[in-house]
Protein backbone atom coordinates (compact mmCIF):
# COMPACT_ATOMS: atom_id res chain seq x y z
CA UNK A 1 -31.39 -7.45 30.65
CA UNK A 2 -28.49 -9.20 28.88
CA UNK A 3 -25.71 -7.17 27.30
CA UNK A 4 -25.67 -7.00 23.48
CA UNK A 5 -23.11 -9.08 21.60
CA UNK A 6 -21.42 -7.57 18.56
CA UNK A 7 -19.36 -8.94 15.70
CA UNK A 8 -16.35 -6.65 15.26
CA UNK A 9 -14.25 -5.89 12.18
CA UNK A 10 -11.65 -3.12 11.97
CA UNK A 11 -9.19 -2.10 9.26
CA UNK A 12 -5.71 -0.57 9.51
CA UNK A 13 -3.39 0.44 6.65
CA UNK A 14 0.41 0.08 6.68
CA UNK A 15 2.92 1.58 4.25
CA UNK A 16 6.50 0.63 5.13
CA UNK A 17 8.63 0.13 8.27
CA UNK A 18 5.60 -0.41 10.50
CA UNK A 19 4.81 -3.63 8.60
CA UNK A 20 7.60 -5.42 10.46
CA UNK A 21 6.11 -4.21 13.76
CA UNK A 22 2.68 -5.71 13.09
CA UNK A 23 4.36 -8.93 11.93
CA UNK A 24 6.31 -9.18 15.20
CA UNK A 25 3.06 -8.74 17.13
CA UNK A 26 0.90 -11.03 15.01
CA UNK A 27 3.41 -13.85 14.68
CA UNK A 28 4.66 -13.54 18.27
CA UNK A 29 8.35 -13.31 17.33
CA UNK A 30 9.34 -11.32 20.43
CA UNK A 31 10.23 -12.70 23.83
CA UNK A 32 8.53 -9.80 25.64
CA UNK A 33 5.74 -7.35 24.78
CA UNK A 34 6.10 -4.50 27.24
CA UNK A 35 3.77 -2.26 25.24
CA UNK A 36 0.91 -4.75 25.54
CA UNK A 37 0.56 -6.23 29.05
CA UNK A 38 -2.58 -8.12 27.98
CA UNK A 39 -0.42 -10.72 26.23
CA UNK A 40 0.12 -13.86 28.31
CA UNK A 41 2.99 -15.70 26.58
CA UNK A 42 2.27 -18.85 28.58
CA UNK A 43 -0.96 -19.14 26.57
CA UNK A 44 0.60 -18.34 23.19
CA UNK A 45 0.83 -22.06 22.42
CA UNK A 46 -2.95 -21.95 21.92
CA UNK A 47 -2.69 -19.38 19.09
CA UNK A 48 -3.33 -20.83 15.64
CA UNK A 49 -3.18 -19.91 11.96
CA UNK A 50 -5.94 -20.26 9.40
CA UNK A 51 -3.47 -19.02 6.78
CA UNK A 52 0.26 -19.20 7.53
CA UNK A 53 2.70 -16.69 6.02
CA UNK A 54 5.05 -18.17 3.43
CA UNK A 55 7.67 -15.49 4.12
CA UNK A 56 8.11 -12.14 5.83
CA UNK A 57 5.11 -9.80 5.47
CA UNK A 58 6.99 -7.03 3.65
CA UNK A 59 8.75 -9.46 1.31
CA UNK A 60 5.46 -11.18 0.44
CA UNK A 61 3.75 -7.85 -0.18
CA UNK A 62 6.53 -6.59 -2.45
CA UNK A 63 6.52 -9.89 -4.35
CA UNK A 64 2.77 -9.75 -5.00
CA UNK A 65 2.92 -6.08 -5.97
CA UNK A 66 5.79 -6.72 -8.38
CA UNK A 67 4.05 -9.74 -9.92
CA UNK A 68 0.96 -7.58 -10.54
CA UNK A 69 3.12 -4.97 -12.28
CA UNK A 70 2.08 -2.18 -9.93
CA UNK A 71 4.13 0.94 -9.38
CA UNK A 72 4.57 2.10 -5.81
CA UNK A 73 5.41 5.34 -4.06
CA UNK A 74 6.98 5.80 -0.67
CA UNK A 75 3.53 6.45 0.81
CA UNK A 76 1.78 3.55 -0.96
CA UNK A 77 -0.20 1.24 1.34
CA UNK A 78 1.36 -2.20 0.95
CA UNK A 79 -0.45 -4.14 3.67
CA UNK A 80 -3.91 -3.83 5.18
CA UNK A 81 -4.71 -5.55 8.45
CA UNK A 82 -8.23 -6.59 9.45
CA UNK A 83 -9.06 -7.33 13.07
CA UNK A 84 -11.92 -9.80 13.50
CA UNK A 85 -13.40 -10.45 16.92
CA UNK A 86 -16.58 -10.15 18.97
CA UNK A 87 -17.53 -8.72 22.33
CA UNK A 88 -16.05 -10.78 25.23
CA UNK A 89 -19.39 -12.20 26.32
CA UNK A 90 -19.80 -13.92 22.95
CA UNK A 91 -16.79 -16.15 23.62
CA UNK A 92 -17.71 -17.01 27.20
CA UNK A 93 -18.22 -20.75 27.63
CA UNK A 94 -17.08 -21.57 24.10
CA UNK A 95 -14.48 -24.28 23.59
CA UNK A 96 -11.55 -24.01 21.20
CA UNK A 97 -13.27 -25.83 18.28
CA UNK A 98 -16.24 -23.45 18.54
CA UNK A 99 -13.95 -20.42 18.59
CA UNK A 100 -12.08 -21.78 15.58
CA UNK A 101 -15.37 -22.20 13.71
CA UNK A 102 -16.22 -18.55 14.38
CA UNK A 103 -12.98 -17.30 12.85
CA UNK A 104 -13.21 -19.74 9.94
CA UNK A 105 -16.58 -18.16 9.22
CA UNK A 106 -15.07 -14.65 9.29
CA UNK A 107 -12.42 -15.84 6.83
CA UNK A 108 -15.09 -17.29 4.52
CA UNK A 109 -16.84 -13.94 4.62
CA UNK A 110 -13.70 -12.00 3.73
CA UNK A 111 -12.76 -14.31 0.86
CA UNK A 112 -16.04 -13.46 -0.84
CA UNK A 113 -14.69 -9.96 -1.50
CA UNK A 114 -10.89 -10.35 -1.50
CA UNK A 115 -8.80 -13.03 -3.21
CA UNK A 116 -7.26 -15.59 -0.86
CA UNK A 117 -4.04 -15.28 -2.86
CA UNK A 118 -3.57 -11.74 -1.53
CA UNK A 119 -3.82 -12.83 2.13
CA UNK A 120 -0.40 -12.97 3.79
CA UNK A 121 -1.48 -14.29 7.17
CA UNK A 122 -4.59 -15.02 9.21
CA UNK A 123 -3.65 -15.77 12.82
CA UNK A 124 -5.92 -16.13 15.84
CA UNK A 125 -4.65 -14.93 19.21
CA UNK A 126 -5.85 -16.85 22.24
CA UNK A 127 -3.24 -15.38 24.60
CA UNK A 128 -4.99 -12.06 25.23
CA UNK A 129 -8.17 -11.25 27.13
CA UNK A 130 -10.49 -11.69 24.14
CA UNK A 131 -9.92 -14.05 21.21
CA UNK A 132 -9.33 -12.20 17.93
CA UNK A 133 -7.87 -12.73 14.47
CA UNK A 134 -5.35 -10.56 12.64
CA UNK A 135 -5.78 -10.96 8.89
CA UNK A 136 -3.09 -9.21 6.83
CA UNK A 137 -3.43 -8.86 3.07
CA UNK A 138 -2.00 -6.99 0.09
CA UNK A 139 -4.65 -4.53 -1.18
CA UNK A 140 -4.72 -5.70 -4.80
CA UNK A 141 -7.97 -5.27 -6.72
CA UNK A 142 -9.40 -8.06 -8.95
CA UNK A 143 -7.92 -6.33 -12.01
CA UNK A 144 -4.46 -6.19 -10.43
CA UNK A 145 -4.25 -2.62 -9.13
CA UNK A 146 -2.74 -1.69 -5.78
CA UNK A 147 -5.51 0.33 -4.14
CA UNK A 148 -6.27 0.20 -0.42
CA UNK A 149 -8.47 3.24 -1.01
CA UNK A 150 -10.75 1.32 -3.36
CA UNK A 151 -10.90 -1.83 -1.21
CA UNK A 152 -11.25 -0.29 2.24
CA UNK A 153 -12.74 2.98 1.05
CA UNK A 154 -14.15 5.95 2.93
CA UNK A 155 -16.81 6.02 5.65
CA UNK A 156 -19.48 4.93 3.18
CA UNK A 157 -17.45 1.89 2.07
CA UNK A 158 -16.53 1.03 5.68
CA UNK A 159 -20.23 1.08 6.55
CA UNK A 160 -20.82 -1.26 3.59
CA UNK A 161 -18.16 -3.65 4.93
CA UNK A 162 -19.74 -3.64 8.40
CA UNK A 163 -23.22 -4.24 6.96
CA UNK A 164 -22.04 -7.17 4.83
CA UNK A 165 -20.04 -8.65 7.71
CA UNK A 166 -23.01 -8.60 10.06
CA UNK A 167 -25.39 -9.95 7.40
CA UNK A 168 -23.04 -12.88 6.84
CA UNK A 169 -22.27 -13.68 10.48
CA UNK A 170 -25.82 -13.35 11.84
CA UNK A 171 -26.97 -16.27 9.68
CA UNK A 172 -24.86 -18.65 11.75
CA UNK A 173 -24.75 -16.61 14.97
CA UNK A 174 -28.21 -15.02 15.38
CA UNK A 175 -27.37 -13.50 18.79
CA UNK A 176 -24.88 -11.10 17.19
CA UNK A 177 -26.07 -7.52 16.71
CA UNK A 178 -25.05 -4.81 14.27
CA UNK A 179 -23.22 -1.93 15.94
CA UNK A 180 -23.88 1.71 15.07
CA UNK A 181 -22.32 2.68 11.77
CA UNK A 182 -19.78 5.51 11.46
CA UNK A 183 -22.16 7.36 9.13
CA UNK A 184 -24.69 7.53 11.99
CA UNK A 185 -22.31 8.28 14.85
CA UNK A 186 -20.02 10.62 12.90
CA UNK A 187 -16.94 8.95 14.40
CA UNK A 188 -13.72 8.52 12.46
CA UNK A 189 -12.30 5.04 11.93
CA UNK A 190 -9.77 4.09 14.61
CA UNK A 191 -7.10 1.48 13.99
CA UNK A 192 -7.18 -1.83 15.95
CA UNK A 193 -4.09 -0.97 17.95
CA UNK A 194 -5.36 2.41 19.08
CA UNK A 195 -8.75 0.88 19.86
CA UNK A 196 -7.07 -1.80 22.00
CA UNK A 197 -4.98 0.79 23.82
CA UNK A 198 -8.07 2.91 24.49
CA UNK A 199 -9.80 -0.13 25.99
CA UNK A 200 -6.83 -0.75 28.28
CA UNK A 201 -6.79 2.90 29.38
CA UNK A 202 -10.49 2.74 30.19
CA UNK A 203 -9.91 -0.26 32.44
CA UNK A 204 -7.03 1.53 34.20
CA UNK A 205 -9.22 4.58 34.76
CA UNK A 206 -11.95 2.37 36.24
CA UNK A 207 -9.39 0.82 38.58
CA UNK A 208 -8.21 4.31 39.57
CA UNK A 209 -11.79 5.33 40.36
CA UNK A 210 -12.18 2.24 42.56
CA UNK A 211 -8.98 3.02 44.45
CA UNK A 212 -10.02 6.62 45.03
CA UNK A 213 -13.48 5.61 46.20
CA UNK A 214 -12.04 3.08 48.63
CA UNK A 215 -9.68 5.41 50.53
CA UNK A 216 -10.28 5.39 54.29
CA UNK A 217 -8.43 6.32 57.48
CA UNK A 218 -7.01 2.82 57.87
CA UNK A 219 -5.78 2.20 54.32
CA UNK A 220 -4.87 5.71 53.14
CA UNK A 221 -1.10 5.13 52.93
CA UNK A 222 -1.45 1.82 51.06
CA UNK A 223 -4.03 3.19 48.62
CA UNK A 224 -1.90 6.30 47.96
CA UNK A 225 1.02 4.07 46.96
CA UNK A 226 -1.21 2.00 44.65
CA UNK A 227 -2.64 5.14 43.05
CA UNK A 228 0.84 6.61 42.55
CA UNK A 229 2.05 3.41 40.86
CA UNK A 230 -0.98 3.32 38.57
CA UNK A 231 -0.60 6.98 37.60
CA UNK A 232 3.09 6.47 36.72
CA UNK A 233 1.99 4.31 33.81
CA UNK A 234 -1.39 5.87 33.10
CA UNK A 235 -0.40 9.51 32.53
CA UNK A 236 2.39 8.93 29.93
CA UNK A 237 0.13 6.50 28.05
CA UNK A 238 -2.68 9.07 27.94
CA UNK A 239 -0.29 11.66 26.48
CA UNK A 240 0.89 9.16 23.87
CA UNK A 241 -2.71 8.30 23.01
CA UNK A 242 -3.56 12.00 22.63
CA UNK A 243 -0.75 12.38 20.09
CA UNK A 244 -1.90 9.29 18.16
CA UNK A 245 -5.49 10.47 18.04
CA UNK A 246 -4.46 13.88 16.70
CA UNK A 247 -2.99 12.14 13.66
CA UNK A 248 -5.96 9.75 13.32
CA UNK A 249 -9.11 11.82 13.86
CA UNK A 250 -9.67 14.67 11.47
CA UNK A 251 -11.10 17.87 12.97
CA UNK A 252 -14.55 18.90 11.79
CA UNK A 253 -14.52 21.85 9.39
CA UNK A 254 -15.47 25.19 10.93
CA UNK A 255 -18.72 26.46 9.39
CA UNK A 256 -18.66 29.70 7.46
CA UNK A 257 -21.08 32.50 8.21
CA UNK A 258 -22.77 34.41 5.39
CA UNK A 259 -22.90 38.15 6.11
CA UNK A 260 -23.75 41.28 4.14
CA UNK A 261 -21.49 44.32 4.17
CA UNK A 262 -22.51 47.98 3.92
CA UNK A 263 -22.80 47.71 0.10
CA UNK A 264 -25.29 44.87 0.37
CA UNK A 265 -22.84 42.26 -0.93
CA UNK A 266 -22.61 38.87 0.73
CA UNK A 267 -19.29 37.62 2.03
CA UNK A 268 -18.38 34.51 3.97
CA UNK A 269 -16.43 34.44 7.18
CA UNK A 270 -15.21 31.87 9.65
CA UNK A 271 -17.21 31.66 12.84
CA UNK A 272 -15.93 34.58 15.00
CA UNK A 273 -16.10 32.35 18.09
CA UNK A 274 -13.47 29.97 16.69
CA UNK A 275 -10.44 31.91 17.94
CA UNK A 276 -11.99 32.39 21.35
CA UNK A 277 -12.74 28.69 21.73
CA UNK A 278 -9.24 27.77 20.54
CA UNK A 279 -7.70 30.04 23.14
CA UNK A 280 -9.95 28.59 25.84
CA UNK A 281 -8.57 25.13 25.25
């Protein structure tokens, strides 16, 4: 049975200083990317733009926001990034023109709902394990308001985006399937960078499992050294990921219990097991 192929679209919001960080990654302005070992700079020459930035991301965002007459706060979202890609199997055997056509189609989809004028950059990365496009735009509404909340929305709106994206892409690529929506799975939205890091950690864990399973009397010393080297990078990254997820995934509310006191009146109370469970972990 063949593995399913999915069209993937993920949003991430950026407010201030971090905008320069995503620009450095997207536009490949660094000489080294220690935080992302998947990048092969020898293949960066194959990256290409569908929309090239006219200036620095932050400067372009501030210019568009000013021209629209919008007021901003320190915590205002100035740039939204969309990651477009598909599962790795989808790209297997496809040549560069075919891959370009796929991302041109994703851009056509996005421009149906967001003005091209607000798009700062749309760059396709071919120098990582799976081809993908980073599309960065200023979240201006058609009537000129700065509102990432209205454009990207909550879980319901994100589900709408995913539905529309799949409906558009499946017309040209009928093998693509619709993934489970967040409203069905109950999962919180995770930013592209955290998602990518989680994928890398999963691969490292799989490699660790293989090393552990392959230990024998003749290779024990060599395998122990390999495991130690892998853990040196794996454990700190897991701790960093745990911290990032705490700020990304909201805890589920604790249900209240309805109880009656001796006077027959009803009062609500937090689940009495909550403190015990918290202490256990």
